[in-house]
Amino acid sequence: MKIVLVGATSVAVATAEALIEKKYSVVVIEREKERIDALKDRLDAGFIHGDGTKPAILREAQPAEDDHLLCLTNNDQANILASLVGRSLGFDRIVTKVEDPEFEHICRELGLKDVIIPDRNTAQSLVDMVAGRLAEDFSVYFKGDTRLFSFVAGTGDEGPAGEMTLPEQTRPIMIYRDDELILPDAGTSIRKGDEVVIVTRSDHLETLDERWRRKKPTAESGTG
């Protein structure tokens, strides 16, 4: 799996660093050549110089069917347009950042499901912390080496949840189907397209990543 980030903003750079640390192949698209030059020694990533809303530029990232596109510029309209272009080019999952909440319903109408509004997300996390609720990333409450992993089920994953071939101490705990939550038992049927969340141990993450998400990295070169 390759992760393509549009915009070399502070959020994008922090995200890229975290992804690179987890051994993902990362490509950053940025309009300002000076920004790319400043980041080349900092990030072990591929760089593409250009406008990420342009189909020709996004094609340079060579999107594959399981690649993700994160649109993280500081311009809401640019993020929405890049997301739509990315969808047309075949990116598997697209995340759209918008600062103005009024754009959220527009994104939904356009079929962009993964929308983040940083200020609102941060505010909700703070409220949850004050109220003693689980934070959005509630995996921080897990003890020891317990971790969460999610994947989108393919044809080979269909069937009863209890019959999945999984590592020791690994089991599905949530299924999202058409944005509806399902709490599975052993007989719950998993369908192609379901987003499945499983609980596992940290030493199994590499195996799960190889099985469901990661492809062999492809070399990416920067362009001027």
C-alpha atoms as a PDB file:
ATOM      1  CA  MET A   1       0.000   0.000   0.000  1.00  0.00           C
ATOM      2  CA  LYS A   2       1.148   3.492  -0.853  1.00  0.00           C
ATOM      3  CA  ILE A   3      -0.052   6.612   0.977  1.00  0.00           C
ATOM      4  CA  VAL A   4      -0.199   9.783  -1.111  1.00  0.00           C
ATOM      5  CA  LEU A   5      -0.479  13.123   0.698  1.00  0.00           C
ATOM      6  CA  VAL A   6      -1.555  16.276  -1.130  1.00  0.00           C
ATOM      7  CA  GLY A   7      -0.020  19.335   0.495  1.00  0.00           C
ATOM      8  CA  ALA A   8       3.132  19.479   2.621  1.00  0.00           C
ATOM      9  CA  THR A   9       1.383  21.195   5.539  1.00  0.00           C
ATOM     10  CA  SER A  10       2.438  20.658   9.152  1.00  0.00           C
ATOM     11  CA  VAL A  11      -0.363  18.101   9.559  1.00  0.00           C
ATOM     12  CA  ALA A  12       0.745  16.289   6.404  1.00  0.00           C
ATOM     13  CA  VAL A  13       4.390  16.228   7.476  1.00  0.00           C
ATOM     14  CA  ALA A  14       3.545  14.855  10.936  1.00  0.00           C
ATOM     15  CA  THR A  15       1.318  12.230   9.302  1.00  0.00           C
ATOM     16  CA  ALA A  16       4.031  11.305   6.819  1.00  0.00           C
ATOM     17  CA  GLU A  17       6.587  10.878   9.603  1.00  0.00           C
ATOM     18  CA  ALA A  18       4.271   8.549  11.516  1.00  0.00           C
ATOM     19  CA  LEU A  19       3.498   6.500   8.396  1.00  0.00           C
ATOM     20  CA  ILE A  20       7.163   6.219   7.425  1.00  0.00           C
ATOM     21  CA  GLU A  21       7.984   5.025  10.928  1.00  0.00           C
ATOM     22  CA  LYS A  22       5.464   2.224  10.396  1.00  0.00           C
ATOM     23  CA  LYS A  23       7.199   1.307   7.115  1.00  0.00           C
ATOM     24  CA  TYR A  24       4.548   2.582   4.711  1.00  0.00           C
ATOM     25  CA  SER A  25       5.509   3.869   1.286  1.00  0.00           C
ATOM     26  CA  VAL A  26       4.714   7.609   1.281  1.00  0.00           C
ATOM     27  CA  VAL A  27       4.495  10.139  -1.544  1.00  0.00           C
ATOM     28  CA  VAL A  28       4.012  13.875  -0.921  1.00  0.00           C
ATOM     29  CA  ILE A  29       2.589  16.189  -3.605  1.00  0.00           C
ATOM     30  CA  GLU A  30       3.396  19.863  -3.087  1.00  0.00           C
ATOM     31  CA  ARG A  31       3.088  22.969  -5.265  1.00  0.00           C
ATOM     32  CA  GLU A  32       6.011  24.860  -3.726  1.00  0.00           C
ATOM     33  CA  LYS A  33       9.395  23.535  -4.827  1.00  0.00           C
ATOM     34  CA  GLU A  34      11.097  25.275  -1.883  1.00  0.00           C
ATOM     35  CA  ARG A  35       8.928  23.312   0.534  1.00  0.00           C
ATOM     36  CA  ILE A  36       9.915  20.041  -1.116  1.00  0.00           C
ATOM     37  CA  ASP A  37      13.596  20.949  -0.972  1.00  0.00           C
ATOM     38  CA  ALA A  38      13.257  21.709   2.753  1.00  0.00           C
ATOM     39  CA  LEU A  39      11.669  18.314   3.454  1.00  0.00           C
ATOM     40  CA  LYS A  40      13.761  15.969   1.320  1.00  0.00           C
ATOM     41  CA  ASP A  41      16.367  15.436   4.024  1.00  0.00           C
ATOM     42  CA  ARG A  42      13.709  15.102   6.721  1.00  0.00           C
ATOM     43  CA  LEU A  43      11.311  12.620   5.115  1.00  0.00           C
ATOM     44  CA  ASP A  44      12.183   9.282   3.547  1.00  0.00           C
ATOM     45  CA  ALA A  45       9.414   9.742   1.005  1.00  0.00           C
ATOM     46  CA  GLY A  46       8.809  10.314  -2.678  1.00  0.00           C
ATOM     47  CA  PHE A  47       8.020  13.866  -3.754  1.00  0.00           C
ATOM     48  CA  ILE A  48       6.035  15.191  -6.695  1.00  0.00           C
ATOM     49  CA  HIS A  49       6.221  18.884  -7.508  1.00  0.00           C
ATOM     50  CA  GLY A  50       2.878  20.163  -8.752  1.00  0.00           C
ATOM     51  CA  ASP A  51      -0.771  20.919  -8.112  1.00  0.00           C
ATOM     52  CA  GLY A  52      -2.465  17.912  -6.482  1.00  0.00           C
ATOM     53  CA  THR A  53      -5.861  18.898  -7.891  1.00  0.00           C
ATOM     54  CA  LYS A  54      -4.597  18.202 -11.428  1.00  0.00           C
ATOM     55  CA  PRO A  55      -5.250  14.693 -12.813  1.00  0.00           C
ATOM     56  CA  ALA A  56      -1.870  14.592 -14.556  1.00  0.00           C
ATOM     57  CA  ILE A  57      -0.049  15.286 -11.281  1.00  0.00           C
ATOM     58  CA  LEU A  58      -2.011  12.712  -9.292  1.00  0.00           C
ATOM     59  CA  ARG A  59      -1.351  10.145 -12.028  1.00  0.00           C
ATOM     60  CA  GLU A  60       2.374  10.592 -11.407  1.00  0.00           C
ATOM     61  CA  ALA A  61       1.795   8.922  -8.039  1.00  0.00           C
ATOM     62  CA  GLN A  62       0.682   5.815  -9.985  1.00  0.00           C
ATOM     63  CA  PRO A  63      -2.406   5.075  -7.851  1.00  0.00           C
ATOM     64  CA  ALA A  64      -3.199   1.405  -7.308  1.00  0.00           C
ATOM     65  CA  GLU A  65      -6.471  -0.092  -6.140  1.00  0.00           C
ATOM     66  CA  ASP A  66      -5.388  -0.307  -2.495  1.00  0.00           C
ATOM     67  CA  ASP A  67      -3.567   3.041  -2.239  1.00  0.00           C
ATOM     68  CA  HIS A  68      -4.810   5.819   0.055  1.00  0.00           C
ATOM     69  CA  LEU A  69      -5.027   9.534  -0.754  1.00  0.00           C
ATOM     70  CA  LEU A  70      -4.924  12.093   2.070  1.00  0.00           C
ATOM     71  CA  CYS A  71      -5.854  15.631   0.958  1.00  0.00           C
ATOM     72  CA  LEU A  72      -4.340  17.892   3.607  1.00  0.00           C
ATOM     73  CA  THR A  73      -3.668  21.293   2.062  1.00  0.00           C
ATOM     74  CA  ASN A  74      -4.744  24.484   3.828  1.00  0.00           C
ATOM     75  CA  ASN A  75      -7.416  25.129   1.188  1.00  0.00           C
ATOM     76  CA  ASP A  76     -10.764  23.376   1.611  1.00  0.00           C
ATOM     77  CA  GLN A  77     -11.797  23.678  -2.030  1.00  0.00           C
ATOM     78  CA  ALA A  78      -8.460  22.286  -3.192  1.00  0.00           C
ATOM     79  CA  ASN A  79      -8.824  19.312  -0.851  1.00  0.00           C
ATOM     80  CA  ILE A  80     -12.325  18.563  -2.121  1.00  0.00           C
ATOM     81  CA  LEU A  81     -11.268  18.825  -5.772  1.00  0.00           C
ATOM     82  CA  ALA A  82      -8.165  16.678  -5.222  1.00  0.00           C
ATOM     83  CA  SER A  83     -10.339  14.090  -3.478  1.00  0.00           C
ATOM     84  CA  LEU A  84     -12.755  13.905  -6.410  1.00  0.00           C
ATOM     85  CA  VAL A  85      -9.917  13.635  -8.932  1.00  0.00           C
ATOM     86  CA  GLY A  86      -8.249  10.967  -6.790  1.00  0.00           C
ATOM     87  CA  ARG A  87     -11.455   8.966  -6.656  1.00  0.00           C
ATOM     88  CA  SER A  88     -11.741   9.055 -10.446  1.00  0.00           C
ATOM     89  CA  LEU A  89      -8.168   7.759 -10.726  1.00  0.00           C
ATOM     90  CA  GLY A  90      -8.873   4.722  -8.550  1.00  0.00           C
ATOM     91  CA  PHE A  91      -7.500   5.442  -5.072  1.00  0.00           C
ATOM     92  CA  ASP A  92      -8.962   2.897  -2.668  1.00  0.00           C
ATOM     93  CA  ARG A  93      -9.601   5.273   0.226  1.00  0.00           C
ATOM     94  CA  ILE A  94      -9.654   9.053   0.322  1.00  0.00           C
ATOM     95  CA  VAL A  95      -9.487  11.345   3.351  1.00  0.00           C
ATOM     96  CA  THR A  96     -10.548  14.969   2.914  1.00  0.00           C
ATOM     97  CA  LYS A  97      -9.580  17.693   5.386  1.00  0.00           C
ATOM     98  CA  VAL A  98     -11.801  20.766   5.598  1.00  0.00           C
ATOM     99  CA  GLU A  99     -11.572  23.629   8.062  1.00  0.00           C
ATOM    100  CA  ASP A 100     -15.030  25.068   7.375  1.00  0.00           C
ATOM    101  CA  PRO A 101     -17.793  22.779   8.744  1.00  0.00           C
ATOM    102  CA  GLU A 102     -20.173  24.110   6.087  1.00  0.00           C
ATOM    103  CA  PHE A 103     -18.274  22.059   3.534  1.00  0.00           C
ATOM    104  CA  GLU A 104     -18.947  18.798   5.354  1.00  0.00           C
ATOM    105  CA  HIS A 105     -22.420  18.228   3.899  1.00  0.00           C
ATOM    106  CA  ILE A 106     -21.065  19.106   0.450  1.00  0.00           C
ATOM    107  CA  CYS A 107     -18.445  16.394   0.840  1.00  0.00           C
ATOM    108  CA  ARG A 108     -21.129  13.902   1.885  1.00  0.00           C
ATOM    109  CA  GLU A 109     -23.279  14.800  -1.111  1.00  0.00           C
ATOM    110  CA  LEU A 110     -20.276  14.278  -3.353  1.00  0.00           C
ATOM    111  CA  GLY A 111     -19.704  10.833  -1.870  1.00  0.00           C
ATOM    112  CA  LEU A 112     -16.586  11.736   0.131  1.00  0.00           C
ATOM    113  CA  LYS A 113     -17.125   9.695   3.289  1.00  0.00           C
ATOM    114  CA  ASP A 114     -13.878  10.201   5.197  1.00  0.00           C
ATOM    115  CA  VAL A 115     -13.950  13.872   6.153  1.00  0.00           C
ATOM    116  CA  ILE A 116     -11.943  15.387   8.997  1.00  0.00           C
ATOM    117  CA  ILE A 117     -12.525  18.814  10.542  1.00  0.00           C
ATOM    118  CA  PRO A 118      -9.472  19.337  12.774  1.00  0.00           C
ATOM    119  CA  ASP A 119     -10.850  21.978  15.145  1.00  0.00           C
ATOM    120  CA  ARG A 120     -14.045  20.050  15.766  1.00  0.00           C
ATOM    121  CA  ASN A 121     -12.244  16.736  16.169  1.00  0.00           C
ATOM    122  CA  THR A 122      -9.845  18.265  18.693  1.00  0.00           C
ATOM    123  CA  ALA A 123     -12.695  19.907  20.603  1.00  0.00           C
ATOM    124  CA  GLN A 124     -14.606  16.630  20.796  1.00  0.00           C
ATOM    125  CA  SER A 125     -11.517  14.809  22.070  1.00  0.00           C
ATOM    126  CA  LEU A 126     -11.061  17.427  24.792  1.00  0.00           C
ATOM    127  CA  VAL A 127     -14.712  17.163  25.822  1.00  0.00           C
ATOM    128  CA  ASP A 128     -14.430  13.373  25.962  1.00  0.00           C
ATOM    129  CA  MET A 129     -11.313  13.624  28.124  1.00  0.00           C
ATOM    130  CA  VAL A 130     -12.986  16.044  30.554  1.00  0.00           C
ATOM    131  CA  ALA A 131     -16.117  13.878  30.704  1.00  0.00           C
ATOM    132  CA  GLY A 132     -14.084  10.727  31.313  1.00  0.00           C
ATOM    133  CA  ARG A 133     -15.229   9.089  28.098  1.00  0.00           C
ATOM    134  CA  LEU A 134     -13.041   7.076  25.774  1.00  0.00           C
ATOM    135  CA  ALA A 135     -11.159   9.270  23.353  1.00  0.00           C
ATOM    136  CA  GLU A 136     -11.693   8.846  19.616  1.00  0.00           C
ATOM    137  CA  ASP A 137      -8.486   6.825  19.474  1.00  0.00           C
ATOM    138  CA  PHE A 138      -9.519   4.590  22.344  1.00  0.00           C
ATOM    139  CA  SER A 139      -6.708   2.126  21.632  1.00  0.00           C
ATOM    140  CA  VAL A 140      -4.629   4.272  24.002  1.00  0.00           C
ATOM    141  CA  TYR A 141      -6.637   2.697  26.827  1.00  0.00           C
ATOM    142  CA  PHE A 142      -5.587  -0.834  25.922  1.00  0.00           C
ATOM    143  CA  LYS A 143      -3.010  -2.395  28.214  1.00  0.00           C
ATOM    144  CA  GLY A 144       0.252  -4.068  27.321  1.00  0.00           C
ATOM    145  CA  ASP A 145       0.627  -5.054  23.680  1.00  0.00           C
ATOM    146  CA  THR A 146      -3.096  -5.030  22.792  1.00  0.00           C
ATOM    147  CA  ARG A 147      -3.771  -3.249  19.499  1.00  0.00           C
ATOM    148  CA  LEU A 148      -6.553  -2.591  17.002  1.00  0.00           C
ATOM    149  CA  PHE A 149      -6.329  -3.317  13.283  1.00  0.00           C
ATOM    150  CA  SER A 150      -8.896  -2.641  10.562  1.00  0.00           C
ATOM    151  CA  PHE A 151      -9.269  -3.784   6.967  1.00  0.00           C
ATOM    152  CA  VAL A 152     -11.840  -3.775   4.186  1.00  0.00           C
ATOM    153  CA  ALA A 153     -13.045  -7.308   3.504  1.00  0.00           C
ATOM    154  CA  GLY A 154     -12.454  -8.731   0.063  1.00  0.00           C
ATOM    155  CA  THR A 155     -13.995 -11.725  -1.684  1.00  0.00           C
ATOM    156  CA  GLY A 156     -11.685 -14.148   0.139  1.00  0.00           C
ATOM    157  CA  ASP A 157     -12.758 -12.794   3.529  1.00  0.00           C
ATOM    158  CA  GLU A 158     -16.474 -13.495   3.124  1.00  0.00           C
ATOM    159  CA  GLY A 159     -18.048 -15.964   5.521  1.00  0.00           C
ATOM    160  CA  PRO A 160     -18.760 -16.415   9.241  1.00  0.00           C
ATOM    161  CA  ALA A 161     -16.596 -14.228  11.473  1.00  0.00           C
ATOM    162  CA  GLY A 162     -15.828 -17.209  13.714  1.00  0.00           C
ATOM    163  CA  GLU A 163     -14.273 -19.132  10.819  1.00  0.00           C
ATOM    164  CA  MET A 164     -11.703 -16.500   9.854  1.00  0.00           C
ATOM    165  CA  THR A 165      -8.117 -17.695   9.854  1.00  0.00           C
ATOM    166  CA  LEU A 166      -6.425 -15.291  12.255  1.00  0.00           C
ATOM    167  CA  PRO A 167      -3.346 -15.291  14.484  1.00  0.00           C
ATOM    168  CA  GLU A 168      -3.576 -16.371  18.107  1.00  0.00           C
ATOM    169  CA  GLN A 169      -5.438 -13.943  20.407  1.00  0.00           C
ATOM    170  CA  THR A 170      -6.938 -12.083  17.452  1.00  0.00           C
ATOM    171  CA  ARG A 171     -10.657 -11.694  16.786  1.00  0.00           C
ATOM    172  CA  PRO A 172     -13.101  -9.342  15.029  1.00  0.00           C
ATOM    173  CA  ILE A 173     -14.891  -6.991  17.421  1.00  0.00           C
ATOM    174  CA  MET A 174     -16.689  -4.547  15.103  1.00  0.00           C
ATOM    175  CA  ILE A 175     -17.967  -4.474  11.542  1.00  0.00           C
ATOM    176  CA  TYR A 176     -19.035  -1.333   9.712  1.00  0.00           C
ATOM    177  CA  ARG A 177     -21.404  -1.990   6.813  1.00  0.00           C
ATOM    178  CA  ASP A 178     -22.730   1.048   4.944  1.00  0.00           C
ATOM    179  CA  ASP A 179     -21.706   3.156   7.977  1.00  0.00           C
ATOM    180  CA  GLU A 180     -23.818   0.959  10.282  1.00  0.00           C
ATOM    181  CA  LEU A 181     -22.148  -0.682  13.304  1.00  0.00           C
ATOM    182  CA  ILE A 182     -22.415  -4.457  13.732  1.00  0.00           C
ATOM    183  CA  LEU A 183     -21.091  -6.200  16.857  1.00  0.00           C
ATOM    184  CA  PRO A 184     -20.264  -9.650  15.482  1.00  0.00           C
ATOM    185  CA  ASP A 185     -20.570 -13.032  17.106  1.00  0.00           C
ATOM    186  CA  ALA A 186     -19.059 -16.238  15.717  1.00  0.00           C
ATOM    187  CA  GLY A 187     -21.904 -16.704  13.236  1.00  0.00           C
ATOM    188  CA  THR A 188     -22.044 -13.160  11.894  1.00  0.00           C
ATOM    189  CA  SER A 189     -21.406 -13.195   8.170  1.00  0.00           C
ATOM    190  CA  ILE A 190     -18.688 -10.926   6.820  1.00  0.00           C
ATOM    191  CA  ARG A 191     -19.399  -9.505   3.364  1.00  0.00           C
ATOM    192  CA  LYS A 192     -17.145  -8.035   0.715  1.00  0.00           C
ATOM    193  CA  GLY A 193     -16.764  -4.300   1.372  1.00  0.00           C
ATOM    194  CA  ASP A 194     -17.290  -4.524   5.140  1.00  0.00           C
ATOM    195  CA  GLU A 195     -14.815  -2.577   7.249  1.00  0.00           C
ATOM    196  CA  VAL A 196     -13.728  -5.053   9.908  1.00  0.00           C
ATOM    197  CA  VAL A 197     -12.042  -3.998  13.155  1.00  0.00           C
ATOM    198  CA  ILE A 198     -10.124  -6.684  15.013  1.00  0.00           C
ATOM    199  CA  VAL A 199      -8.337  -6.754  18.342  1.00  0.00           C
ATOM    200  CA  THR A 200      -4.914  -8.353  18.333  1.00  0.00           C
ATOM    201  CA  ARG A 201      -1.400  -8.186  19.769  1.00  0.00           C
ATOM    202  CA  SER A 202       1.277  -5.810  18.559  1.00  0.00           C
ATOM    203  CA  ASP A 203       3.496  -8.661  17.369  1.00  0.00           C
ATOM    204  CA  HIS A 204       0.787  -9.699  14.904  1.00  0.00           C
ATOM    205  CA  LEU A 205       0.420  -6.295  13.235  1.00  0.00           C
ATOM    206  CA  GLU A 206       3.119  -6.896  10.632  1.00  0.00           C
ATOM    207  CA  THR A 207       1.491 -10.172   9.568  1.00  0.00           C
ATOM    208  CA  LEU A 208      -1.944  -8.566   9.363  1.00  0.00           C
ATOM    209  CA  ASP A 209      -0.551  -5.604   7.449  1.00  0.00           C
ATOM    210  CA  GLU A 210       1.088  -7.875   4.896  1.00  0.00           C
ATOM    211  CA  ARG A 211      -2.119  -9.869   4.479  1.00  0.00           C
ATOM    212  CA  TRP A 212      -4.569  -7.035   3.989  1.00  0.00           C
ATOM    213  CA  ARG A 213      -2.917  -3.752   3.245  1.00  0.00           C
ATOM    214  CA  ARG A 214       0.719  -3.518   2.381  1.00  0.00           C
ATOM    215  CA  LYS A 215       2.207  -3.995  -1.034  1.00  0.00           C
ATOM    216  CA  LYS A 216       5.888  -4.080  -1.862  1.00  0.00           C
ATOM    217  CA  PRO A 217       7.041  -0.427  -1.912  1.00  0.00           C
ATOM    218  CA  THR A 218       7.592   1.076  -5.318  1.00  0.00           C
ATOM    219  CA  ALA A 219      10.376   3.588  -5.872  1.00  0.00           C
ATOM    220  CA  GLU A 220       9.123   7.160  -6.174  1.00  0.00           C
ATOM    221  CA  SER A 221      11.290   9.941  -7.471  1.00  0.00           C
ATOM    222  CA  GLY A 222      10.791  13.662  -7.038  1.00  0.00           C
ATOM    223  CA  THR A 223      10.110  15.861 -10.044  1.00  0.00           C
ATOM    224  CA  GLY A 224      11.054  19.446 -10.642  1.00  0.00           C
END
